[in-house]
């Protein structure tokens, strides 16, 4: 490629530094939407409003029989997929500890 040609792909700065968390919004009949919001609120309360991004996505292709599919990736860790069972505080606490261990 000559210096006069521009690449079609340009690097973009990511707005998160700790983790990007993708939560399937279709799992458990839409429970993923609730889990994503609870996790987002927990990250904000723990002081990770700017460095952790929680995003609801469509199907992640994991499709557990029970639970919600979640994929976590970050600058310091490769992508990891998990199935979160339970709908309460325990599920959010387990994810919080995994995403941003103290």
PDB file of N, CA and C in Angstrom:
ATOM      1  N   UNK A   1       0.849  -1.171   0.000  1.00  0.00           N
ATOM      2  CA  UNK A   1       0.000   0.000   0.000  1.00  0.00           C
ATOM      3  C   UNK A   1       0.896   1.235   0.000  1.00  0.00           C
ATOM      4  N   UNK A   2       0.624   2.146  -0.870  1.00  0.00           N
ATOM      5  CA  UNK A   2       1.429   3.364  -0.942  1.00  0.00           C
ATOM      6  C   UNK A   2       1.006   4.329   0.162  1.00  0.00           C
ATOM      7  N   UNK A   3       1.835   5.293   0.441  1.00  0.00           N
ATOM      8  CA  UNK A   3       1.544   6.248   1.505  1.00  0.00           C
ATOM      9  C   UNK A   3       0.345   7.131   1.164  1.00  0.00           C
ATOM     10  N   UNK A   4      -0.001   7.242  -0.117  1.00  0.00           N
ATOM     11  CA  UNK A   4      -1.142   8.071  -0.501  1.00  0.00           C
ATOM     12  C   UNK A   4      -2.473   7.345  -0.309  1.00  0.00           C
ATOM     13  N   UNK A   5      -2.438   6.009  -0.180  1.00  0.00           N
ATOM     14  CA  UNK A   5      -3.662   5.234   0.030  1.00  0.00           C
ATOM     15  C   UNK A   5      -3.947   5.128   1.528  1.00  0.00           C
ATOM     16  N   UNK A   6      -5.209   5.269   1.876  1.00  0.00           N
ATOM     17  CA  UNK A   6      -5.613   5.110   3.268  1.00  0.00           C
ATOM     18  C   UNK A   6      -6.202   3.720   3.457  1.00  0.00           C
ATOM     19  N   UNK A   7      -5.950   3.144   4.595  1.00  0.00           N
ATOM     20  CA  UNK A   7      -6.506   1.848   4.921  1.00  0.00           C
ATOM     21  C   UNK A   7      -8.007   1.975   5.176  1.00  0.00           C
ATOM     22  N   UNK A   8      -8.724   0.934   4.863  1.00  0.00           N
ATOM     23  CA  UNK A   8     -10.156   0.909   5.134  1.00  0.00           C
ATOM     24  C   UNK A   8     -10.394   0.797   6.640  1.00  0.00           C
ATOM     25  N   UNK A   9      -9.479   0.153   7.349  1.00  0.00           N
ATOM     26  CA  UNK A   9      -9.597  -0.025   8.792  1.00  0.00           C
ATOM     27  C   UNK A   9      -8.688   0.961   9.518  1.00  0.00           C
ATOM     28  N   UNK A  10      -9.261   1.693  10.419  1.00  0.00           N
ATOM     29  CA  UNK A  10      -8.503   2.621  11.239  1.00  0.00           C
ATOM     30  C   UNK A  10      -8.646   2.201  12.702  1.00  0.00           C
ATOM     31  N   UNK A  11      -7.564   2.193  13.461  1.00  0.00           N
ATOM     32  CA  UNK A  11      -7.679   1.837  14.875  1.00  0.00           C
ATOM     33  C   UNK A  11      -8.535   2.859  15.617  1.00  0.00           C
ATOM     34  N   UNK A  12      -9.292   2.364  16.569  1.00  0.00           N
ATOM     35  CA  UNK A  12     -10.145   3.229  17.387  1.00  0.00           C
ATOM     36  C   UNK A  12      -9.776   3.022  18.852  1.00  0.00           C
ATOM     37  N   UNK A  13      -9.787   4.098  19.591  1.00  0.00           N
ATOM     38  CA  UNK A  13      -9.485   4.008  21.014  1.00  0.00           C
ATOM     39  C   UNK A  13     -10.721   3.477  21.732  1.00  0.00           C
ATOM     40  N   UNK A  14     -10.519   2.469  22.561  1.00  0.00           N
ATOM     41  CA  UNK A  14     -11.644   1.896  23.291  1.00  0.00           C
ATOM     42  C   UNK A  14     -11.921   2.702  24.552  1.00  0.00           C
ATOM     43  N   UNK A  15     -13.186   2.894  24.891  1.00  0.00           N
ATOM     44  CA  UNK A  15     -13.530   3.705  26.056  1.00  0.00           C
ATOM     45  C   UNK A  15     -13.421   2.947  27.393  1.00  0.00           C
ATOM     46  N   UNK A  16     -13.088   1.686  27.361  1.00  0.00           N
ATOM     47  CA  UNK A  16     -12.941   0.926  28.598  1.00  0.00           C
ATOM     48  C   UNK A  16     -11.497   0.472  28.727  1.00  0.00           C
ATOM     49  N   UNK A  17     -11.032   0.353  29.960  1.00  0.00           N
ATOM     50  CA  UNK A  17      -9.653  -0.084  30.175  1.00  0.00           C
ATOM     51  C   UNK A  17      -9.582  -1.414  30.909  1.00  0.00           C
ATOM     52  N   UNK A  18     -10.616  -1.764  31.645  1.00  0.00           N
ATOM     53  CA  UNK A  18     -10.604  -3.008  32.414  1.00  0.00           C
ATOM     54  C   UNK A  18     -11.278  -4.145  31.667  1.00  0.00           C
ATOM     55  N   UNK A  19     -12.522  -3.941  31.236  1.00  0.00           N
ATOM     56  CA  UNK A  19     -13.233  -5.051  30.596  1.00  0.00           C
ATOM     57  C   UNK A  19     -14.400  -4.578  29.755  1.00  0.00           C
ATOM     58  N   UNK A  20     -14.702  -5.389  28.762  1.00  0.00           N
ATOM     59  CA  UNK A  20     -15.919  -5.283  27.968  1.00  0.00           C
ATOM     60  C   UNK A  20     -16.708  -6.543  28.269  1.00  0.00           C
ATOM     61  N   UNK A  21     -17.943  -6.381  28.731  1.00  0.00           N
ATOM     62  CA  UNK A  21     -18.786  -7.508  29.114  1.00  0.00           C
ATOM     63  C   UNK A  21     -19.984  -7.548  28.173  1.00  0.00           C
ATOM     64  N   UNK A  22     -20.115  -8.652  27.449  1.00  0.00           N
ATOM     65  CA  UNK A  22     -21.236  -8.839  26.529  1.00  0.00           C
ATOM     66  C   UNK A  22     -22.229  -9.794  27.171  1.00  0.00           C
ATOM     67  N   UNK A  23     -23.469  -9.349  27.344  1.00  0.00           N
ATOM     68  CA  UNK A  23     -24.503 -10.145  27.988  1.00  0.00           C
ATOM     69  C   UNK A  23     -25.591 -10.437  26.966  1.00  0.00           C
ATOM     70  N   UNK A  24     -25.896 -11.723  26.764  1.00  0.00           N
ATOM     71  CA  UNK A  24     -26.937 -12.102  25.817  1.00  0.00           C
ATOM     72  C   UNK A  24     -28.292 -11.620  26.331  1.00  0.00           C
ATOM     73  N   UNK A  25     -28.983 -10.820  25.550  1.00  0.00           N
ATOM     74  CA  UNK A  25     -30.277 -10.297  25.974  1.00  0.00           C
ATOM     75  C   UNK A  25     -31.419 -11.269  25.684  1.00  0.00           C
ATOM     76  N   UNK A  26     -31.132 -12.371  25.007  1.00  0.00           N
ATOM     77  CA  UNK A  26     -32.170 -13.335  24.663  1.00  0.00           C
ATOM     78  C   UNK A  26     -32.249 -14.516  25.637  1.00  0.00           C
ATOM     79  N   UNK A  27     -31.171 -14.776  26.378  1.00  0.00           N
ATOM     80  CA  UNK A  27     -31.131 -15.924  27.285  1.00  0.00           C
ATOM     81  C   UNK A  27     -32.196 -15.819  28.370  1.00  0.00           C
ATOM     82  N   UNK A  28     -32.680 -16.986  28.773  1.00  0.00           N
ATOM     83  CA  UNK A  28     -33.677 -17.083  29.845  1.00  0.00           C
ATOM     84  C   UNK A  28     -34.882 -16.182  29.579  1.00  0.00           C
ATOM     85  N   UNK A  29     -35.317 -16.157  28.350  1.00  0.00           N
ATOM     86  CA  UNK A  29     -36.514 -15.383  28.018  1.00  0.00           C
ATOM     87  C   UNK A  29     -36.361 -13.891  28.210  1.00  0.00           C
ATOM     88  N   UNK A  30     -35.172 -13.384  27.981  1.00  0.00           N
ATOM     89  CA  UNK A  30     -34.934 -11.953  28.110  1.00  0.00           C
ATOM     90  C   UNK A  30     -34.363 -11.540  29.452  1.00  0.00           C
ATOM     91  N   UNK A  31     -34.076 -12.511  30.336  1.00  0.00           N
ATOM     92  CA  UNK A  31     -33.511 -12.177  31.647  1.00  0.00           C
ATOM     93  C   UNK A  31     -32.143 -11.522  31.515  1.00  0.00           C
ATOM     94  N   UNK A  32     -31.456 -11.757  30.412  1.00  0.00           N
ATOM     95  CA  UNK A  32     -30.157 -11.140  30.200  1.00  0.00           C
ATOM     96  C   UNK A  32     -30.205  -9.626  30.250  1.00  0.00           C
ATOM     97  N   UNK A  33     -31.334  -9.041  29.853  1.00  0.00           N
ATOM     98  CA  UNK A  33     -31.500  -7.585  29.911  1.00  0.00           C
ATOM     99  C   UNK A  33     -31.437  -7.126  31.363  1.00  0.00           C
ATOM    100  N   UNK A  34     -32.134  -7.831  32.257  1.00  0.00           N
ATOM    101  CA  UNK A  34     -32.125  -7.492  33.683  1.00  0.00           C
ATOM    102  C   UNK A  34     -30.739  -7.685  34.281  1.00  0.00           C
ATOM    103  N   UNK A  35     -30.083  -8.792  33.933  1.00  0.00           N
ATOM    104  CA  UNK A  35     -28.750  -9.074  34.457  1.00  0.00           C
ATOM    105  C   UNK A  35     -27.766  -7.996  34.006  1.00  0.00           C
ATOM    106  N   UNK A  36     -27.839  -7.587  32.754  1.00  0.00           N
ATOM    107  CA  UNK A  36     -26.944  -6.553  32.234  1.00  0.00           C
ATOM    108  C   UNK A  36     -27.124  -5.244  33.003  1.00  0.00           C
ATOM    109  N   UNK A  37     -28.349  -4.863  33.269  1.00  0.00           N
ATOM    110  CA  UNK A  37     -28.602  -3.607  33.990  1.00  0.00           C
ATOM    111  C   UNK A  37     -28.108  -3.703  35.424  1.00  0.00           C
ATOM    112  N   UNK A  38     -28.369  -4.831  36.087  1.00  0.00           N
ATOM    113  CA  UNK A  38     -27.889  -5.005  37.463  1.00  0.00           C
ATOM    114  C   UNK A  38     -26.365  -4.980  37.521  1.00  0.00           C
ATOM    115  N   UNK A  39     -25.732  -5.615  36.543  1.00  0.00           N
ATOM    116  CA  UNK A  39     -24.270  -5.637  36.500  1.00  0.00           C
ATOM    117  C   UNK A  39     -23.723  -4.239  36.230  1.00  0.00           C
ATOM    118  N   UNK A  40     -24.352  -3.518  35.340  1.00  0.00           N
ATOM    119  CA  UNK A  40     -23.935  -2.144  35.045  1.00  0.00           C
ATOM    120  C   UNK A  40     -24.038  -1.274  36.302  1.00  0.00           C
ATOM    121  N   UNK A  41     -25.141  -1.415  37.040  1.00  0.00           N
ATOM    122  CA  UNK A  41     -25.328  -0.659  38.283  1.00  0.00           C
ATOM    123  C   UNK A  41     -24.278  -1.039  39.322  1.00  0.00           C
ATOM    124  N   UNK A  42     -23.952  -2.333  39.412  1.00  0.00           N
ATOM    125  CA  UNK A  42     -22.952  -2.800  40.379  1.00  0.00           C
ATOM    126  C   UNK A  42     -21.561  -2.280  40.022  1.00  0.00           C
ATOM    127  N   UNK A  43     -21.227  -2.270  38.746  1.00  0.00           N
ATOM    128  CA  UNK A  43     -19.919  -1.755  38.316  1.00  0.00           C
ATOM    129  C   UNK A  43     -19.809  -0.256  38.622  1.00  0.00           C
ATOM    130  N   UNK A  44     -20.884   0.471  38.390  1.00  0.00           N
ATOM    131  CA  UNK A  44     -20.906   1.902  38.679  1.00  0.00           C
ATOM    132  C   UNK A  44     -20.742   2.145  40.180  1.00  0.00           C
ATOM    133  N   UNK A  45     -21.460   1.367  40.999  1.00  0.00           N
ATOM    134  CA  UNK A  45     -21.374   1.505  42.455  1.00  0.00           C
ATOM    135  C   UNK A  45     -19.987   1.160  42.984  1.00  0.00           C
ATOM    136  N   UNK A  46     -19.291   0.253  42.279  1.00  0.00           N
ATOM    137  CA  UNK A  46     -17.945  -0.157  42.696  1.00  0.00           C
ATOM    138  C   UNK A  46     -16.870   0.779  42.152  1.00  0.00           C
ATOM    139  N   UNK A  47     -17.278   1.855  41.483  1.00  0.00           N
ATOM    140  CA  UNK A  47     -16.321   2.826  40.978  1.00  0.00           C
ATOM    141  C   UNK A  47     -15.738   2.484  39.623  1.00  0.00           C
ATOM    142  N   UNK A  48     -16.410   1.611  38.869  1.00  0.00           N
ATOM    143  CA  UNK A  48     -15.916   1.207  37.548  1.00  0.00           C
ATOM    144  C   UNK A  48     -16.817   1.713  36.424  1.00  0.00           C
ATOM    145  N   UNK A  49     -17.363   2.902  36.586  1.00  0.00           N
ATOM    146  CA  UNK A  49     -18.285   3.438  35.584  1.00  0.00           C
ATOM    147  C   UNK A  49     -17.608   3.640  34.230  1.00  0.00           C
ATOM    148  N   UNK A  50     -16.381   4.131  34.229  1.00  0.00           N
ATOM    149  CA  UNK A  50     -15.701   4.461  32.982  1.00  0.00           C
ATOM    150  C   UNK A  50     -14.842   3.330  32.431  1.00  0.00           C
ATOM    151  N   UNK A  51     -14.338   2.438  33.287  1.00  0.00           N
ATOM    152  CA  UNK A  51     -13.370   1.445  32.813  1.00  0.00           C
ATOM    153  C   UNK A  51     -13.958   0.074  32.506  1.00  0.00           C
ATOM    154  N   UNK A  52     -15.241  -0.135  32.806  1.00  0.00           N
ATOM    155  CA  UNK A  52     -15.912  -1.389  32.457  1.00  0.00           C
ATOM    156  C   UNK A  52     -17.141  -1.049  31.633  1.00  0.00           C
ATOM    157  N   UNK A  53     -17.266  -1.676  30.484  1.00  0.00           N
ATOM    158  CA  UNK A  53     -18.422  -1.450  29.608  1.00  0.00           C
ATOM    159  C   UNK A  53     -19.256  -2.717  29.588  1.00  0.00           C
ATOM    160  N   UNK A  54     -20.517  -2.601  29.956  1.00  0.00           N
ATOM    161  CA  UNK A  54     -21.454  -3.721  29.917  1.00  0.00           C
ATOM    162  C   UNK A  54     -22.408  -3.456  28.759  1.00  0.00           C
ATOM    163  N   UNK A  55     -22.476  -4.402  27.824  1.00  0.00           N
ATOM    164  CA  UNK A  55     -23.320  -4.225  26.643  1.00  0.00           C
ATOM    165  C   UNK A  55     -24.240  -5.422  26.463  1.00  0.00           C
ATOM    166  N   UNK A  56     -25.492  -5.126  26.196  1.00  0.00           N
ATOM    167  CA  UNK A  56     -26.446  -6.190  25.855  1.00  0.00           C
ATOM    168  C   UNK A  56     -26.304  -6.469  24.372  1.00  0.00           C
ATOM    169  N   UNK A  57     -26.212  -7.737  24.039  1.00  0.00           N
ATOM    170  CA  UNK A  57     -26.088  -8.146  22.639  1.00  0.00           C
ATOM    171  C   UNK A  57     -27.144  -9.195  22.344  1.00  0.00           C
ATOM    172  N   UNK A  58     -27.301  -9.517  21.079  1.00  0.00           N
ATOM    173  CA  UNK A  58     -28.230 -10.581  20.693  1.00  0.00           C
ATOM    174  C   UNK A  58     -27.603 -11.905  21.079  1.00  0.00           C
ATOM    175  N   UNK A  59     -27.744 -12.915  20.311  1.00  0.00           N
ATOM    176  CA  UNK A  59     -27.260 -14.250  20.650  1.00  0.00           C
ATOM    177  C   UNK A  59     -25.734 -14.332  20.563  1.00  0.00           C
ATOM    178  N   UNK A  60     -25.117 -14.907  21.599  1.00  0.00           N
ATOM    179  CA  UNK A  60     -23.674 -15.131  21.608  1.00  0.00           C
ATOM    180  C   UNK A  60     -23.316 -16.501  21.040  1.00  0.00           C
ATOM    181  N   UNK A  61     -24.325 -17.318  20.739  1.00  0.00           N
ATOM    182  CA  UNK A  61     -24.078 -18.634  20.160  1.00  0.00           C
ATOM    183  C   UNK A  61     -23.750 -19.704  21.181  1.00  0.00           C
ATOM    184  N   UNK A  62     -23.795 -19.391  22.449  1.00  0.00           N
ATOM    185  CA  UNK A  62     -23.522 -20.373  23.501  1.00  0.00           C
ATOM    186  C   UNK A  62     -24.812 -21.113  23.866  1.00  0.00           C
ATOM    187  N   UNK A  63     -25.902 -20.396  23.949  1.00  0.00           N
ATOM    188  CA  UNK A  63     -27.256 -20.918  24.165  1.00  0.00           C
ATOM    189  C   UNK A  63     -27.356 -21.997  25.246  1.00  0.00           C
ATOM    190  N   UNK A  64     -27.182 -21.613  26.507  1.00  0.00           N
ATOM    191  CA  UNK A  64     -27.330 -22.595  27.584  1.00  0.00           C
ATOM    192  C   UNK A  64     -28.796 -22.970  27.766  1.00  0.00           C
ATOM    193  N   UNK A  65     -29.037 -24.168  28.304  1.00  0.00           N
ATOM    194  CA  UNK A  65     -30.425 -24.577  28.576  1.00  0.00           C
ATOM    195  C   UNK A  65     -31.015 -23.727  29.697  1.00  0.00           C
ATOM    196  N   UNK A  66     -30.175 -23.395  30.670  1.00  0.00           N
ATOM    197  CA  UNK A  66     -30.585 -22.522  31.773  1.00  0.00           C
ATOM    198  C   UNK A  66     -29.472 -21.518  32.015  1.00  0.00           C
ATOM    199  N   UNK A  67     -29.842 -20.312  32.349  1.00  0.00           N
ATOM    200  CA  UNK A  67     -28.850 -19.298  32.645  1.00  0.00           C
ATOM    201  C   UNK A  67     -28.712 -18.288  31.523  1.00  0.00           C
ATOM    202  N   UNK A  68     -27.757 -17.396  31.702  1.00  0.00           N
ATOM    203  CA  UNK A  68     -27.504 -16.315  30.744  1.00  0.00           C
ATOM    204  C   UNK A  68     -26.057 -16.408  30.290  1.00  0.00           C
ATOM    205  N   UNK A  69     -25.841 -16.338  28.989  1.00  0.00           N
ATOM    206  CA  UNK A  69     -24.496 -16.377  28.421  1.00  0.00           C
ATOM    207  C   UNK A  69     -23.850 -14.998  28.540  1.00  0.00           C
ATOM    208  N   UNK A  70     -22.602 -14.998  29.020  1.00  0.00           N
ATOM    209  CA  UNK A  70     -21.853 -13.762  29.212  1.00  0.00           C
ATOM    210  C   UNK A  70     -20.439 -13.986  28.681  1.00  0.00           C
ATOM    211  N   UNK A  71     -19.914 -13.037  27.928  1.00  0.00           N
ATOM    212  CA  UNK A  71     -18.524 -13.087  27.475  1.00  0.00           C
ATOM    213  C   UNK A  71     -17.816 -11.845  27.989  1.00  0.00           C
ATOM    214  N   UNK A  72     -16.652 -12.061  28.588  1.00  0.00           N
ATOM    215  CA  UNK A  72     -15.862 -10.980  29.184  1.00  0.00           C
ATOM    216  C   UNK A  72     -14.512 -10.941  28.495  1.00  0.00           C
ATOM    217  N   UNK A  73     -14.094  -9.762  28.098  1.00  0.00           N
ATOM    218  CA  UNK A  73     -12.765  -9.588  27.523  1.00  0.00           C
ATOM    219  C   UNK A  73     -12.203  -8.263  28.004  1.00  0.00           C
ATOM    220  N   UNK A  74     -10.901  -8.154  27.967  1.00  0.00           N
ATOM    221  CA  UNK A  74     -10.266  -6.922  28.404  1.00  0.00           C
ATOM    222  C   UNK A  74      -8.842  -6.843  27.921  1.00  0.00           C
ATOM    223  N   UNK A  75      -8.213  -5.737  28.207  1.00  0.00           N
ATOM    224  CA  UNK A  75      -6.839  -5.533  27.768  1.00  0.00           C
ATOM    225  C   UNK A  75      -5.892  -6.544  28.401  1.00  0.00           C
ATOM    226  N   UNK A  76      -6.161  -6.933  29.636  1.00  0.00           N
ATOM    227  CA  UNK A  76      -5.258  -7.827  30.351  1.00  0.00           C
ATOM    228  C   UNK A  76      -5.711  -9.283  30.343  1.00  0.00           C
ATOM    229  N   UNK A  77      -6.850  -9.578  29.714  1.00  0.00           N
ATOM    230  CA  UNK A  77      -7.346 -10.951  29.725  1.00  0.00           C
ATOM    231  C   UNK A  77      -7.962 -11.321  28.384  1.00  0.00           C
ATOM    232  N   UNK A  78      -7.762 -12.565  27.964  1.00  0.00           N
ATOM    233  CA  UNK A  78      -8.407 -13.005  26.724  1.00  0.00           C
ATOM    234  C   UNK A  78      -9.910 -13.178  26.966  1.00  0.00           C
ATOM    235  N   UNK A  79     -10.662 -13.276  25.901  1.00  0.00           N
ATOM    236  CA  UNK A  79     -12.110 -13.456  26.019  1.00  0.00           C
ATOM    237  C   UNK A  79     -12.437 -14.767  26.731  1.00  0.00           C
ATOM    238  N   UNK A  80     -13.354 -14.682  27.676  1.00  0.00           N
ATOM    239  CA  UNK A  80     -13.829 -15.851  28.406  1.00  0.00           C
ATOM    240  C   UNK A  80     -15.349 -15.828  28.375  1.00  0.00           C
ATOM    241  N   UNK A  81     -15.953 -16.970  28.075  1.00  0.00           N
ATOM    242  CA  UNK A  81     -17.412 -17.048  28.085  1.00  0.00           C
ATOM    243  C   UNK A  81     -17.854 -17.845  29.309  1.00  0.00           C
ATOM    244  N   UNK A  82     -18.984 -17.429  29.879  1.00  0.00           N
ATOM    245  CA  UNK A  82     -19.526 -18.061  31.075  1.00  0.00           C
ATOM    246  C   UNK A  82     -21.034 -18.174  30.935  1.00  0.00           C
ATOM    247  N   UNK A  83     -21.606 -19.118  31.655  1.00  0.00           N
ATOM    248  CA  UNK A  83     -23.056 -19.209  31.782  1.00  0.00           C
ATOM    249  C   UNK A  83     -23.381 -18.845  33.217  1.00  0.00           C
ATOM    250  N   UNK A  84     -24.161 -17.797  33.399  1.00  0.00           N
ATOM    251  CA  UNK A  84     -24.526 -17.312  34.723  1.00  0.00           C
ATOM    252  C   UNK A  84     -25.890 -17.884  35.075  1.00  0.00           C
ATOM    253  N   UNK A  85     -25.934 -18.647  36.155  1.00  0.00           N
ATOM    254  CA  UNK A  85     -27.213 -19.170  36.624  1.00  0.00           C
ATOM    255  C   UNK A  85     -27.623 -18.372  37.852  1.00  0.00           C
ATOM    256  N   UNK A  86     -28.877 -18.310  38.093  1.00  0.00           N
ATOM    257  CA  UNK A  86     -29.379 -17.512  39.204  1.00  0.00           C
ATOM    258  C   UNK A  86     -29.724 -16.118  38.711  1.00  0.00           C
ATOM    259  N   UNK A  87     -30.618 -15.491  39.427  1.00  0.00           N
ATOM    260  CA  UNK A  87     -31.093 -14.188  38.966  1.00  0.00           C
ATOM    261  C   UNK A  87     -30.879 -13.085  39.994  1.00  0.00           C
ATOM    262  N   UNK A  88     -30.226 -13.414  41.081  1.00  0.00           N
ATOM    263  CA  UNK A  88     -30.123 -12.440  42.151  1.00  0.00           C
ATOM    264  C   UNK A  88     -28.761 -11.834  42.337  1.00  0.00           C
ATOM    265  N   UNK A  89     -28.557 -11.358  43.548  1.00  0.00           N
ATOM    266  CA  UNK A  89     -27.333 -10.673  43.933  1.00  0.00           C
ATOM    267  C   UNK A  89     -26.111 -11.570  43.779  1.00  0.00           C
ATOM    268  N   UNK A  90     -26.264 -12.871  44.033  1.00  0.00           N
ATOM    269  CA  UNK A  90     -25.121 -13.791  43.942  1.00  0.00           C
ATOM    270  C   UNK A  90     -24.526 -13.820  42.533  1.00  0.00           C
ATOM    271  N   UNK A  91     -25.368 -13.812  41.524  1.00  0.00           N
ATOM    272  CA  UNK A  91     -24.888 -13.837  40.139  1.00  0.00           C
ATOM    273  C   UNK A  91     -24.119 -12.565  39.811  1.00  0.00           C
ATOM    274  N   UNK A  92     -24.648 -11.431  40.230  1.00  0.00           N
ATOM    275  CA  UNK A  92     -23.987 -10.147  39.967  1.00  0.00           C
ATOM    276  C   UNK A  92     -22.684 -10.061  40.757  1.00  0.00           C
ATOM    277  N   UNK A  93     -22.695 -10.522  42.005  1.00  0.00           N
ATOM    278  CA  UNK A  93     -21.482 -10.489  42.832  1.00  0.00           C
ATOM    279  C   UNK A  93     -20.386 -11.375  42.239  1.00  0.00           C
ATOM    280  N   UNK A  94     -20.751 -12.535  41.730  1.00  0.00           N
ATOM    281  CA  UNK A  94     -19.759 -13.440  41.125  1.00  0.00           C
ATOM    282  C   UNK A  94     -19.153 -12.811  39.873  1.00  0.00           C
ATOM    283  N   UNK A  95     -19.978 -12.187  39.047  1.00  0.00           N
ATOM    284  CA  UNK A  95     -19.479 -11.518  37.843  1.00  0.00           C
ATOM    285  C   UNK A  95     -18.595 -10.329  38.194  1.00  0.00           C
ATOM    286  N   UNK A  96     -19.015  -9.557  39.185  1.00  0.00           N
ATOM    287  CA  UNK A  96     -18.234  -8.391  39.619  1.00  0.00           C
ATOM    288  C   UNK A  96     -16.848  -8.822  40.088  1.00  0.00           C
ATOM    289  N   UNK A  97     -16.773  -9.894  40.858  1.00  0.00           N
ATOM    290  CA  UNK A  97     -15.486 -10.391  41.352  1.00  0.00           C
ATOM    291  C   UNK A  97     -14.609 -10.890  40.211  1.00  0.00           C
ATOM    292  N   UNK A  98     -15.231 -11.445  39.185  1.00  0.00           N
ATOM    293  CA  UNK A  98     -14.482 -11.944  38.038  1.00  0.00           C
ATOM    294  C   UNK A  98     -13.974 -10.802  37.148  1.00  0.00           C
ATOM    295  N   UNK A  99     -14.786  -9.787  36.971  1.00  0.00           N
ATOM    296  CA  UNK A  99     -14.459  -8.680  36.082  1.00  0.00           C
ATOM    297  C   UNK A  99     -13.409  -7.754  36.690  1.00  0.00           C
ATOM    298  N   UNK A 100     -13.631  -7.356  37.926  1.00  0.00           N
ATOM    299  CA  UNK A 100     -12.736  -6.395  38.567  1.00  0.00           C
ATOM    300  C   UNK A 100     -12.392  -6.871  39.976  1.00  0.00           C
ATOM    301  N   UNK A 101     -11.518  -7.887  40.074  1.00  0.00           N
ATOM    302  CA  UNK A 101     -11.171  -8.393  41.411  1.00  0.00           C
ATOM    303  C   UNK A 101     -10.477  -7.310  42.228  1.00  0.00           C
ATOM    304  N   UNK A 102     -10.789  -7.262  43.467  1.00  0.00           N
ATOM    305  CA  UNK A 102     -10.210  -6.231  44.360  1.00  0.00           C
ATOM    306  C   UNK A 102      -8.841  -6.637  44.802  1.00  0.00           C
TER     307      UNK A 102
END
